[in-house]
């Protein structure tokens, strides 16, 4: 299976990808990148190794994500990625809903250019970041931030992407 974790022994979560914006036509492999990043991230997470997890990814534009950001986060501006974790599911449910991730193309592409990254690598990073949020990871407290960033670095290394925080670390 394309994008399966190394060894292929772990089932992948079901991923529904909706490409809502024509801007994503500039990255025709976006859906494959999303699926591969999630498959590799999921393989590292014991909580969903049974393959019964589902999530949705919306590939949208700045206008759409600004509306989501205003409605759900109280910030009327575009952002790169938003995660909406699903409420806890009752025990015994066949498929566990993890939640939804939204990524805005224009912000993604602008940030990639500013940071000297490829759009595809930055998309992989944002998907991994959003996916970890769905699993309950956060980065608001110092200890939590380091744990989440280390997971991101480990997962991205398995994809073949260098440390996305290397530039941030150099500024410290």
N, C-alpha and C. Protein backbone atom coordinates (compact mmCIF):
# COMPACT_ATOMS: atom_id res chain seq x y z
N UNK A 1 0.85 -1.19 0.00
CA UNK A 1 0.00 0.00 0.00
C UNK A 1 0.89 1.25 0.00
N UNK A 2 0.59 2.17 -0.84
CA UNK A 2 1.36 3.41 -0.94
C UNK A 2 1.30 4.19 0.36
N UNK A 3 2.48 4.59 0.89
CA UNK A 3 2.53 5.40 2.09
C UNK A 3 2.40 4.60 3.36
N UNK A 4 2.40 3.25 3.28
CA UNK A 4 2.28 2.44 4.49
C UNK A 4 3.53 2.56 5.34
N UNK A 5 3.39 2.43 6.64
CA UNK A 5 4.53 2.48 7.53
C UNK A 5 5.51 1.37 7.19
N UNK A 6 6.78 1.58 7.54
CA UNK A 6 7.80 0.58 7.29
C UNK A 6 7.37 -0.75 7.89
N UNK A 7 7.52 -1.82 7.16
CA UNK A 7 7.12 -3.13 7.62
C UNK A 7 5.68 -3.44 7.28
N UNK A 8 4.83 -2.44 7.15
CA UNK A 8 3.46 -2.60 6.73
C UNK A 8 2.57 -3.36 7.71
N UNK A 9 3.08 -3.69 8.92
CA UNK A 9 2.30 -4.51 9.82
C UNK A 9 1.18 -3.76 10.54
N UNK A 10 1.22 -2.47 10.61
CA UNK A 10 0.20 -1.71 11.32
C UNK A 10 -0.83 -1.15 10.33
N UNK A 11 -2.12 -1.41 10.59
CA UNK A 11 -3.14 -0.81 9.72
C UNK A 11 -3.13 0.71 9.88
N UNK A 12 -3.44 1.39 8.81
CA UNK A 12 -3.47 2.84 8.83
C UNK A 12 -4.85 3.34 9.21
N UNK A 13 -4.90 4.52 9.84
CA UNK A 13 -6.23 5.10 10.11
C UNK A 13 -6.90 5.47 8.79
N UNK A 14 -8.21 5.48 8.80
CA UNK A 14 -8.97 5.92 7.62
C UNK A 14 -8.89 7.44 7.56
N UNK A 15 -8.49 7.95 6.41
CA UNK A 15 -8.31 9.39 6.25
C UNK A 15 -9.18 9.87 5.09
N UNK A 16 -10.07 10.79 5.39
CA UNK A 16 -10.90 11.42 4.37
C UNK A 16 -10.27 12.77 4.04
N UNK A 17 -9.79 12.94 2.82
CA UNK A 17 -9.14 14.20 2.41
C UNK A 17 -10.08 14.93 1.47
N UNK A 18 -10.41 16.16 1.84
CA UNK A 18 -11.25 17.02 1.00
C UNK A 18 -10.40 18.19 0.52
N UNK A 19 -10.23 18.30 -0.79
CA UNK A 19 -9.49 19.42 -1.37
C UNK A 19 -10.53 20.45 -1.79
N UNK A 20 -10.63 21.52 -0.99
CA UNK A 20 -11.68 22.52 -1.15
C UNK A 20 -11.23 23.71 -2.00
N UNK A 21 -9.93 23.91 -2.10
CA UNK A 21 -9.42 25.09 -2.80
C UNK A 21 -8.63 24.68 -4.05
N UNK A 22 -8.87 25.41 -5.13
CA UNK A 22 -8.13 25.18 -6.38
C UNK A 22 -6.64 25.46 -6.21
N UNK A 23 -6.26 26.25 -5.20
CA UNK A 23 -4.84 26.56 -4.97
C UNK A 23 -4.02 25.30 -4.77
N UNK A 24 -4.64 24.25 -4.25
CA UNK A 24 -3.92 23.00 -4.02
C UNK A 24 -3.53 22.32 -5.32
N UNK A 25 -4.05 22.79 -6.44
CA UNK A 25 -3.64 22.27 -7.74
C UNK A 25 -2.16 22.52 -8.00
N UNK A 26 -1.58 23.48 -7.28
CA UNK A 26 -0.14 23.76 -7.41
C UNK A 26 0.70 22.67 -6.75
N UNK A 27 0.05 21.83 -5.94
CA UNK A 27 0.74 20.71 -5.28
C UNK A 27 -0.11 19.45 -5.51
N UNK A 28 -0.06 18.90 -6.73
CA UNK A 28 -0.95 17.80 -7.08
C UNK A 28 -0.77 16.56 -6.21
N UNK A 29 0.37 16.42 -5.58
CA UNK A 29 0.63 15.26 -4.74
C UNK A 29 0.20 15.49 -3.28
N UNK A 30 -0.53 16.56 -3.01
CA UNK A 30 -0.91 16.92 -1.64
C UNK A 30 -1.62 15.79 -0.91
N UNK A 31 -2.58 15.16 -1.55
CA UNK A 31 -3.33 14.08 -0.87
C UNK A 31 -2.40 12.93 -0.49
N UNK A 32 -1.49 12.56 -1.37
CA UNK A 32 -0.53 11.49 -1.06
C UNK A 32 0.37 11.90 0.11
N UNK A 33 0.80 13.15 0.13
CA UNK A 33 1.65 13.64 1.22
C UNK A 33 0.90 13.55 2.55
N UNK A 34 -0.36 13.97 2.55
CA UNK A 34 -1.19 13.92 3.76
C UNK A 34 -1.30 12.48 4.25
N UNK A 35 -1.66 11.58 3.37
CA UNK A 35 -1.86 10.18 3.76
C UNK A 35 -0.58 9.54 4.28
N UNK A 36 0.54 9.83 3.64
CA UNK A 36 1.82 9.25 4.08
C UNK A 36 2.23 9.80 5.44
N UNK A 37 2.10 11.10 5.65
CA UNK A 37 2.47 11.71 6.93
C UNK A 37 1.63 11.13 8.06
N UNK A 38 0.33 10.97 7.82
CA UNK A 38 -0.54 10.42 8.85
C UNK A 38 -0.22 8.95 9.11
N UNK A 39 0.03 8.18 8.07
CA UNK A 39 0.35 6.77 8.24
C UNK A 39 1.60 6.60 9.09
N UNK A 40 2.62 7.38 8.82
CA UNK A 40 3.87 7.25 9.57
C UNK A 40 3.69 7.76 10.99
N UNK A 41 2.96 8.87 11.16
CA UNK A 41 2.71 9.38 12.51
C UNK A 41 1.87 8.39 13.30
N UNK A 42 0.87 7.79 12.68
CA UNK A 42 -0.01 6.84 13.37
C UNK A 42 0.75 5.60 13.81
N UNK A 43 1.70 5.16 13.00
CA UNK A 43 2.47 3.97 13.34
C UNK A 43 3.25 4.14 14.63
N UNK A 44 3.55 5.39 15.00
CA UNK A 44 4.33 5.65 16.21
C UNK A 44 3.46 5.83 17.45
N UNK A 45 2.16 5.77 17.28
CA UNK A 45 1.25 6.06 18.39
C UNK A 45 0.48 4.81 18.81
N UNK A 46 0.81 4.30 19.97
CA UNK A 46 0.19 3.09 20.49
C UNK A 46 -1.33 3.22 20.55
N UNK A 47 -1.83 4.40 20.87
CA UNK A 47 -3.27 4.61 21.07
C UNK A 47 -4.10 4.27 19.84
N UNK A 48 -3.52 4.29 18.64
CA UNK A 48 -4.33 4.04 17.45
C UNK A 48 -3.76 2.94 16.58
N UNK A 49 -2.91 2.11 17.12
CA UNK A 49 -2.29 1.06 16.32
C UNK A 49 -3.25 -0.02 15.87
N UNK A 50 -4.46 -0.04 16.38
CA UNK A 50 -5.40 -1.07 15.96
C UNK A 50 -6.03 -0.76 14.61
N UNK A 51 -5.73 0.40 14.03
CA UNK A 51 -6.21 0.75 12.70
C UNK A 51 -7.68 1.11 12.64
N UNK A 52 -8.32 1.31 13.77
CA UNK A 52 -9.75 1.62 13.78
C UNK A 52 -10.01 3.10 13.97
N UNK A 53 -9.07 3.92 13.63
CA UNK A 53 -9.21 5.37 13.78
C UNK A 53 -9.57 6.01 12.46
N UNK A 54 -10.32 7.10 12.55
CA UNK A 54 -10.71 7.87 11.37
C UNK A 54 -10.46 9.35 11.65
N UNK A 55 -10.11 10.07 10.60
CA UNK A 55 -9.98 11.51 10.69
C UNK A 55 -10.23 12.11 9.33
N UNK A 56 -10.46 13.42 9.32
CA UNK A 56 -10.68 14.15 8.07
C UNK A 56 -9.65 15.27 7.97
N UNK A 57 -9.23 15.53 6.74
CA UNK A 57 -8.29 16.61 6.46
C UNK A 57 -8.91 17.49 5.38
N UNK A 58 -8.99 18.77 5.68
CA UNK A 58 -9.49 19.77 4.73
C UNK A 58 -8.31 20.57 4.21
N UNK A 59 -8.08 20.51 2.91
CA UNK A 59 -7.05 21.32 2.28
C UNK A 59 -7.78 22.51 1.68
N UNK A 60 -7.62 23.66 2.32
CA UNK A 60 -8.44 24.83 1.98
C UNK A 60 -7.56 26.03 1.66
N UNK A 61 -8.18 27.19 1.61
CA UNK A 61 -7.47 28.44 1.35
C UNK A 61 -7.49 29.32 2.60
N UNK A 62 -6.79 30.44 2.52
CA UNK A 62 -6.71 31.36 3.67
C UNK A 62 -8.08 31.87 4.10
N UNK A 63 -8.94 32.12 3.14
CA UNK A 63 -10.27 32.66 3.48
C UNK A 63 -11.05 31.66 4.33
N UNK A 64 -11.04 30.41 3.91
CA UNK A 64 -11.77 29.38 4.65
C UNK A 64 -11.19 29.17 6.04
N UNK A 65 -9.87 29.08 6.12
CA UNK A 65 -9.27 28.82 7.43
C UNK A 65 -9.43 30.03 8.36
N UNK A 66 -9.45 31.25 7.79
CA UNK A 66 -9.68 32.44 8.61
C UNK A 66 -11.08 32.38 9.22
N UNK A 67 -12.06 31.92 8.45
CA UNK A 67 -13.41 31.76 8.98
C UNK A 67 -13.47 30.73 10.08
N UNK A 68 -12.79 29.60 9.90
CA UNK A 68 -12.73 28.58 10.94
C UNK A 68 -12.03 29.10 12.19
N UNK A 69 -10.94 29.81 11.96
CA UNK A 69 -10.15 30.36 13.07
C UNK A 69 -10.99 31.38 13.86
N UNK A 70 -11.75 32.19 13.17
CA UNK A 70 -12.61 33.19 13.84
C UNK A 70 -13.70 32.48 14.65
N UNK A 71 -14.35 31.53 14.01
CA UNK A 71 -15.48 30.85 14.66
C UNK A 71 -15.07 30.02 15.86
N UNK A 72 -13.98 29.26 15.74
CA UNK A 72 -13.63 28.29 16.77
C UNK A 72 -12.52 28.74 17.71
N UNK A 73 -11.70 29.70 17.27
CA UNK A 73 -10.57 30.12 18.10
C UNK A 73 -10.62 31.60 18.46
N UNK A 74 -11.60 32.33 17.93
CA UNK A 74 -11.73 33.75 18.25
C UNK A 74 -10.68 34.64 17.62
N UNK A 75 -10.02 34.14 16.56
CA UNK A 75 -8.99 34.93 15.89
C UNK A 75 -9.35 35.04 14.41
N UNK A 76 -9.80 36.20 14.00
CA UNK A 76 -10.27 36.40 12.62
C UNK A 76 -9.12 36.66 11.67
N UNK A 77 -8.28 35.64 11.49
CA UNK A 77 -7.14 35.75 10.57
C UNK A 77 -6.76 34.36 10.10
N UNK A 78 -6.10 34.30 8.95
CA UNK A 78 -5.66 32.98 8.48
C UNK A 78 -4.54 32.44 9.36
N UNK A 79 -4.41 31.14 9.36
CA UNK A 79 -3.32 30.45 10.04
C UNK A 79 -2.93 29.26 9.18
N UNK A 80 -1.85 28.60 9.52
CA UNK A 80 -1.38 27.51 8.67
C UNK A 80 -2.18 26.23 8.85
N UNK A 81 -2.43 25.84 10.11
CA UNK A 81 -3.13 24.58 10.38
C UNK A 81 -4.01 24.74 11.61
N UNK A 82 -5.16 24.10 11.56
CA UNK A 82 -6.06 24.02 12.71
C UNK A 82 -6.41 22.56 12.93
N UNK A 83 -6.52 22.19 14.19
CA UNK A 83 -6.92 20.83 14.55
C UNK A 83 -8.15 20.91 15.43
N UNK A 84 -9.07 20.02 15.16
CA UNK A 84 -10.31 19.95 15.92
C UNK A 84 -10.48 18.52 16.43
N UNK A 85 -9.95 18.23 17.63
CA UNK A 85 -10.08 16.87 18.16
C UNK A 85 -11.55 16.53 18.40
N UNK A 86 -11.89 15.28 18.11
CA UNK A 86 -13.25 14.79 18.36
C UNK A 86 -13.42 14.54 19.85
N UNK A 87 -14.65 14.62 20.34
CA UNK A 87 -14.87 14.28 21.74
C UNK A 87 -14.55 12.81 21.98
N UNK A 88 -14.21 12.44 23.20
CA UNK A 88 -13.90 11.03 23.49
C UNK A 88 -15.06 10.12 23.07
N UNK A 89 -14.69 8.99 22.51
CA UNK A 89 -15.69 8.03 22.05
C UNK A 89 -15.94 7.00 23.14
N UNK A 90 -17.16 6.49 23.22
CA UNK A 90 -17.44 5.44 24.20
C UNK A 90 -16.67 4.16 23.88
N UNK A 91 -16.37 3.39 24.89
CA UNK A 91 -15.68 2.11 24.70
C UNK A 91 -16.56 1.21 23.85
N UNK A 92 -15.92 0.46 22.97
CA UNK A 92 -16.65 -0.49 22.14
C UNK A 92 -17.07 0.04 20.79
N UNK A 93 -16.84 1.31 20.52
CA UNK A 93 -17.17 1.88 19.22
C UNK A 93 -16.20 1.29 18.19
N UNK A 94 -16.75 0.86 17.05
CA UNK A 94 -15.93 0.19 16.05
C UNK A 94 -14.85 1.10 15.47
N UNK A 95 -15.22 2.30 15.08
CA UNK A 95 -14.26 3.26 14.52
C UNK A 95 -14.17 4.47 15.44
N UNK A 96 -12.98 4.80 15.87
CA UNK A 96 -12.75 5.94 16.75
C UNK A 96 -12.51 7.18 15.89
N UNK A 97 -13.34 8.19 16.08
CA UNK A 97 -13.17 9.46 15.37
C UNK A 97 -12.09 10.27 16.09
N UNK A 98 -11.01 10.58 15.40
CA UNK A 98 -9.94 11.39 15.99
C UNK A 98 -10.24 12.88 15.89
N UNK A 99 -10.86 13.30 14.78
CA UNK A 99 -11.18 14.71 14.59
C UNK A 99 -10.84 15.16 13.19
N UNK A 100 -10.63 16.47 13.08
CA UNK A 100 -10.41 17.10 11.77
C UNK A 100 -9.18 18.00 11.80
N UNK A 101 -8.51 18.08 10.66
CA UNK A 101 -7.37 18.97 10.46
C UNK A 101 -7.68 19.82 9.24
N UNK A 102 -7.38 21.11 9.31
CA UNK A 102 -7.52 22.00 8.15
C UNK A 102 -6.17 22.68 7.91
N UNK A 103 -5.78 22.77 6.64
CA UNK A 103 -4.52 23.41 6.25
C UNK A 103 -4.81 24.40 5.13
N UNK A 104 -4.30 25.62 5.26
CA UNK A 104 -4.50 26.66 4.25
C UNK A 104 -3.30 26.74 3.31
N UNK A 105 -3.57 26.63 2.02
CA UNK A 105 -2.48 26.61 1.04
C UNK A 105 -1.64 27.88 1.04
N UNK A 106 -2.27 29.05 0.99
CA UNK A 106 -1.50 30.30 0.85
C UNK A 106 -0.55 30.51 2.03
N UNK A 107 -1.03 30.27 3.24
CA UNK A 107 -0.17 30.45 4.42
C UNK A 107 0.93 29.40 4.41
N UNK A 108 0.59 28.16 4.08
CA UNK A 108 1.58 27.09 3.99
C UNK A 108 2.69 27.46 3.01
N UNK A 109 2.31 27.90 1.82
CA UNK A 109 3.30 28.22 0.78
C UNK A 109 4.15 29.43 1.18
N UNK A 110 3.51 30.45 1.75
CA UNK A 110 4.26 31.64 2.19
C UNK A 110 5.28 31.27 3.27
N UNK A 111 4.85 30.50 4.27
CA UNK A 111 5.77 30.10 5.34
C UNK A 111 6.91 29.24 4.81
N UNK A 112 6.60 28.33 3.91
CA UNK A 112 7.64 27.48 3.33
C UNK A 112 8.70 28.34 2.65
N UNK A 113 8.27 29.33 1.87
CA UNK A 113 9.21 30.22 1.21
C UNK A 113 10.04 31.02 2.20
N UNK A 114 9.39 31.56 3.21
CA UNK A 114 10.09 32.36 4.23
C UNK A 114 11.10 31.53 5.01
N UNK A 115 10.80 30.25 5.20
CA UNK A 115 11.66 29.37 6.01
C UNK A 115 12.62 28.55 5.16
N UNK A 116 12.60 28.74 3.85
CA UNK A 116 13.51 28.01 2.98
C UNK A 116 13.20 26.52 2.92
N UNK A 117 11.92 26.15 3.03
CA UNK A 117 11.49 24.75 3.00
C UNK A 117 10.69 24.51 1.73
N UNK A 118 10.58 23.26 1.33
CA UNK A 118 9.69 22.94 0.22
C UNK A 118 8.26 22.95 0.75
N UNK A 119 7.32 23.24 -0.12
CA UNK A 119 5.91 23.23 0.26
C UNK A 119 5.51 21.83 0.71
N UNK A 120 5.99 20.81 0.01
CA UNK A 120 5.61 19.44 0.37
C UNK A 120 6.14 19.05 1.76
N UNK A 121 7.37 19.43 2.08
CA UNK A 121 7.91 19.12 3.41
C UNK A 121 7.17 19.89 4.50
N UNK A 122 6.84 21.14 4.22
CA UNK A 122 6.12 21.93 5.22
C UNK A 122 4.71 21.36 5.41
N UNK A 123 4.07 20.89 4.34
CA UNK A 123 2.76 20.25 4.46
C UNK A 123 2.88 19.01 5.35
N UNK A 124 3.89 18.18 5.12
CA UNK A 124 4.08 16.99 5.96
C UNK A 124 4.19 17.39 7.43
N UNK A 125 4.98 18.43 7.70
CA UNK A 125 5.15 18.88 9.08
C UNK A 125 3.83 19.35 9.68
N UNK A 126 3.09 20.15 8.96
CA UNK A 126 1.83 20.67 9.50
C UNK A 126 0.81 19.55 9.73
N UNK A 127 0.81 18.55 8.86
CA UNK A 127 -0.10 17.42 9.04
C UNK A 127 0.30 16.62 10.28
N UNK A 128 1.58 16.35 10.45
CA UNK A 128 2.04 15.64 11.64
C UNK A 128 1.69 16.45 12.89
N UNK A 129 1.94 17.75 12.85
CA UNK A 129 1.64 18.64 13.97
C UNK A 129 0.15 18.59 14.32
N UNK A 130 -0.70 18.73 13.31
CA UNK A 130 -2.14 18.69 13.52
C UNK A 130 -2.60 17.33 14.02
N UNK A 131 -2.02 16.27 13.49
CA UNK A 131 -2.38 14.92 13.90
C UNK A 131 -2.05 14.70 15.38
N UNK A 132 -0.90 15.16 15.81
CA UNK A 132 -0.53 15.02 17.22
C UNK A 132 -1.49 15.79 18.12
N UNK A 133 -1.96 16.95 17.66
CA UNK A 133 -2.98 17.68 18.42
C UNK A 133 -4.25 16.83 18.57
N UNK A 134 -4.64 16.12 17.52
CA UNK A 134 -5.82 15.27 17.61
C UNK A 134 -5.66 14.19 18.66
N UNK A 135 -4.42 13.78 18.90
CA UNK A 135 -4.15 12.74 19.89
C UNK A 135 -3.96 13.30 21.29
N UNK A 136 -4.09 14.63 21.43
CA UNK A 136 -4.01 15.23 22.76
C UNK A 136 -2.70 15.90 23.09
N UNK A 137 -1.76 15.89 22.17
CA UNK A 137 -0.49 16.58 22.42
C UNK A 137 -0.70 18.09 22.27
N UNK A 138 0.07 18.86 23.02
CA UNK A 138 -0.06 20.31 22.96
C UNK A 138 1.32 20.94 23.11
N UNK A 139 1.39 22.25 22.89
CA UNK A 139 2.68 22.94 22.95
C UNK A 139 2.58 24.26 23.69
N UNK A 140 1.59 24.40 24.54
CA UNK A 140 1.43 25.67 25.25
C UNK A 140 2.32 25.77 26.48
N UNK A 141 2.56 24.67 27.17
CA UNK A 141 3.48 24.67 28.31
C UNK A 141 4.85 24.19 27.83
N UNK A 142 5.91 24.70 28.45
CA UNK A 142 7.27 24.40 28.00
C UNK A 142 7.55 22.90 27.89
N UNK A 143 7.24 22.13 28.90
CA UNK A 143 7.50 20.69 28.86
C UNK A 143 6.70 20.00 27.77
N UNK A 144 5.46 20.41 27.61
CA UNK A 144 4.61 19.83 26.57
C UNK A 144 5.14 20.17 25.18
N UNK A 145 5.61 21.39 25.02
CA UNK A 145 6.13 21.83 23.72
C UNK A 145 7.32 20.98 23.31
N UNK A 146 8.24 20.76 24.22
CA UNK A 146 9.43 19.98 23.88
C UNK A 146 9.07 18.54 23.54
N UNK A 147 8.12 17.95 24.29
CA UNK A 147 7.70 16.58 24.00
C UNK A 147 7.05 16.50 22.62
N UNK A 148 6.18 17.44 22.31
CA UNK A 148 5.49 17.42 21.02
C UNK A 148 6.48 17.66 19.88
N UNK A 149 7.36 18.63 20.04
CA UNK A 149 8.34 18.91 18.99
C UNK A 149 9.28 17.73 18.77
N UNK A 150 9.65 17.02 19.83
CA UNK A 150 10.51 15.85 19.67
C UNK A 150 9.78 14.75 18.90
N UNK A 151 8.51 14.55 19.20
CA UNK A 151 7.72 13.58 18.43
C UNK A 151 7.66 13.99 16.96
N UNK A 152 7.44 15.27 16.71
CA UNK A 152 7.40 15.75 15.33
C UNK A 152 8.73 15.47 14.62
N UNK A 153 9.83 15.80 15.29
CA UNK A 153 11.15 15.56 14.69
C UNK A 153 11.35 14.08 14.38
N UNK A 154 10.98 13.21 15.31
CA UNK A 154 11.15 11.76 15.11
C UNK A 154 10.31 11.26 13.94
N UNK A 155 9.06 11.68 13.88
CA UNK A 155 8.17 11.24 12.80
C UNK A 155 8.66 11.78 11.46
N UNK A 156 9.02 13.05 11.43
CA UNK A 156 9.49 13.65 10.17
C UNK A 156 10.79 13.00 9.70
N UNK A 157 11.65 12.62 10.63
CA UNK A 157 12.89 11.93 10.24
C UNK A 157 12.57 10.62 9.53
N UNK A 158 11.51 9.92 9.97
CA UNK A 158 11.10 8.67 9.31
C UNK A 158 10.57 8.94 7.91
N UNK A 159 10.07 10.14 7.68
CA UNK A 159 9.59 10.52 6.35
C UNK A 159 10.76 10.97 5.47
N UNK A 160 11.88 11.33 6.13
CA UNK A 160 13.04 11.82 5.40
C UNK A 160 13.13 13.33 5.37
N UNK A 161 12.50 13.98 6.37
CA UNK A 161 12.48 15.44 6.44
C UNK A 161 13.32 15.89 7.64
N UNK A 162 14.19 16.84 7.38
CA UNK A 162 15.09 17.36 8.42
C UNK A 162 14.30 18.08 9.51
N UNK A 163 14.94 18.29 10.63
CA UNK A 163 14.36 18.98 11.78
C UNK A 163 13.77 20.32 11.36
N UNK A 164 12.45 20.47 11.45
CA UNK A 164 11.82 21.74 11.04
C UNK A 164 12.09 22.86 12.02
N UNK A 165 12.57 22.52 13.21
CA UNK A 165 12.82 23.54 14.23
C UNK A 165 14.29 23.97 14.25
N UNK A 166 15.09 23.48 13.34
CA UNK A 166 16.51 23.81 13.33
C UNK A 166 16.75 25.31 13.26
N UNK A 167 15.96 26.01 12.43
CA UNK A 167 16.10 27.47 12.34
C UNK A 167 15.71 28.14 13.63
N UNK A 168 14.63 27.64 14.27
CA UNK A 168 14.19 28.20 15.56
C UNK A 168 15.26 28.02 16.61
N UNK A 169 15.88 26.80 16.62
CA UNK A 169 16.91 26.50 17.62
C UNK A 169 18.12 27.43 17.45
N UNK A 170 18.44 27.80 16.21
CA UNK A 170 19.59 28.66 15.95
C UNK A 170 19.34 30.07 16.47
N UNK A 171 18.06 30.47 16.57
CA UNK A 171 17.74 31.82 17.04
C UNK A 171 17.80 31.96 18.54
N UNK A 172 17.84 30.82 19.25
CA UNK A 172 17.79 30.85 20.72
C UNK A 172 19.12 31.27 21.28
